[in-house]
Amino acid sequence: MVSNTDEDELWNLVGFLRISSTRYKTLEALVTEYLIPSDIVKRTNLKPAQVSLALHDLKEKKLIKCMNEKAKKGRIYHATSLGKESFKMVNDYLMNDKNDP
């Protein structure tokens, strides 16, 4: 069961993702795969600078994790459990929004 504080934080993260399609697309790419930034750019059609900023923002909120933090190049990123849960909530929110008249 999710506590009220945890639920409030999750909804804050849903809003954080909803207001930025760049963050949403970046997280979407990382929910099921381990990717380097150039792969994210290819899959999302975002610019490298956009992906870089999104990775920074998502990492700061603990929605993604860098798997090889000490690497200078070829850093590999993946969604955390919190990131996956937040992403699922965003999609559920979007589906409910589409079903409302």
Protein backbone atom coordinates (compact mmCIF):
# COMPACT_ATOMS: atom_id res chain seq x y z
CA MET A 1 0.00 0.00 0.00
CA VAL A 2 1.26 3.47 -0.89
CA SER A 3 1.31 6.07 1.88
CA ASN A 4 -0.22 9.51 1.28
CA THR A 5 3.24 11.08 1.11
CA ASP A 6 4.40 8.50 -1.42
CA GLU A 7 1.22 8.95 -3.44
CA ASP A 8 1.64 12.73 -3.39
CA GLU A 9 5.22 12.34 -4.60
CA LEU A 10 4.10 9.99 -7.38
CA TRP A 11 1.51 12.50 -8.56
CA ASN A 12 4.15 15.24 -8.48
CA LEU A 13 6.30 13.04 -10.71
CA VAL A 14 3.36 12.40 -13.05
CA GLY A 15 3.02 16.17 -13.45
CA PHE A 16 6.78 16.51 -13.92
CA LEU A 17 6.61 14.03 -16.81
CA ARG A 18 3.38 15.39 -18.33
CA ILE A 19 4.68 18.93 -18.73
CA SER A 20 7.66 17.79 -20.79
CA SER A 21 7.30 15.55 -23.81
CA THR A 22 11.10 15.36 -23.91
CA ARG A 23 11.31 13.84 -20.43
CA TYR A 24 8.36 11.56 -21.19
CA LYS A 25 9.90 10.25 -24.44
CA THR A 26 13.29 9.79 -22.80
CA LEU A 27 11.84 7.84 -19.90
CA GLU A 28 9.65 5.82 -22.27
CA ALA A 29 12.79 4.67 -24.11
CA LEU A 30 14.40 3.59 -20.83
CA VAL A 31 11.50 1.71 -19.24
CA THR A 32 12.27 -1.54 -21.05
CA GLU A 33 15.82 -1.07 -22.28
CA TYR A 34 19.32 -0.11 -21.20
CA LEU A 35 20.45 2.64 -23.57
CA ILE A 36 23.23 5.13 -24.18
CA PRO A 37 22.24 8.72 -25.00
CA SER A 38 22.88 8.35 -28.75
CA ASP A 39 20.47 5.39 -28.86
CA ILE A 40 17.84 7.47 -27.07
CA VAL A 41 18.32 10.22 -29.67
CA LYS A 42 17.76 7.72 -32.50
CA ARG A 43 14.65 6.17 -30.93
CA THR A 44 12.97 9.40 -29.90
CA ASN A 45 14.04 11.75 -32.72
CA LEU A 46 15.03 14.27 -30.06
CA LYS A 47 18.15 16.40 -30.29
CA PRO A 48 21.22 15.34 -28.28
CA ALA A 49 21.00 18.45 -26.10
CA GLN A 50 17.35 17.71 -25.31
CA VAL A 51 18.18 14.13 -24.31
CA SER A 52 21.11 15.29 -22.20
CA LEU A 53 18.93 17.74 -20.26
CA ALA A 54 16.14 15.18 -19.88
CA LEU A 55 18.60 12.58 -18.56
CA HIS A 56 19.86 15.10 -16.01
CA ASP A 57 16.33 15.99 -14.89
CA LEU A 58 15.15 12.37 -14.71
CA LYS A 59 18.25 11.29 -12.82
CA GLU A 60 17.82 14.14 -10.32
CA LYS A 61 14.28 12.88 -9.58
CA LYS A 62 15.58 9.28 -9.29
CA LEU A 63 13.44 8.13 -12.23
CA ILE A 64 16.47 6.74 -14.06
CA LYS A 65 19.87 5.44 -13.07
CA CYS A 66 23.22 5.54 -14.82
CA MET A 67 24.54 2.00 -14.71
CA ASN A 68 28.20 2.97 -15.24
CA GLU A 69 28.49 6.37 -13.59
CA LYS A 70 32.28 6.57 -13.78
CA ALA A 71 32.41 6.16 -17.56
CA LYS A 72 33.27 9.32 -19.47
CA LYS A 73 31.63 8.03 -22.67
CA GLY A 74 29.05 5.36 -23.35
CA ARG A 75 27.06 5.85 -20.17
CA ILE A 76 24.20 3.37 -19.97
CA TYR A 77 20.87 4.46 -18.52
CA HIS A 78 17.79 2.56 -17.37
CA ALA A 79 14.54 3.43 -15.60
CA THR A 80 14.37 2.79 -11.86
CA SER A 81 11.39 1.16 -10.18
CA LEU A 82 10.14 4.65 -9.31
CA GLY A 83 10.58 5.68 -12.94
CA LYS A 84 8.66 2.67 -14.20
CA GLU A 85 5.84 3.23 -11.70
CA SER A 86 5.64 6.94 -12.55
CA PHE A 87 5.61 6.18 -16.28
CA LYS A 88 2.79 3.66 -15.80
CA MET A 89 0.79 6.26 -13.84
CA VAL A 90 1.27 8.82 -16.62
CA ASN A 91 0.00 6.32 -19.19
CA ASP A 92 -2.96 5.38 -16.98
CA TYR A 93 -3.72 9.09 -16.53
CA LEU A 94 -3.56 9.65 -20.29
CA MET A 95 -5.84 6.67 -20.98
CA ASN A 96 -8.41 7.90 -18.44
CA ASP A 97 -8.19 11.41 -19.90
CA LYS A 98 -8.97 10.05 -23.39
CA ASN A 99 -11.96 8.08 -22.09
CA ASP A 100 -13.58 11.08 -20.41
CA PRO A 101 -16.04 12.98 -22.64
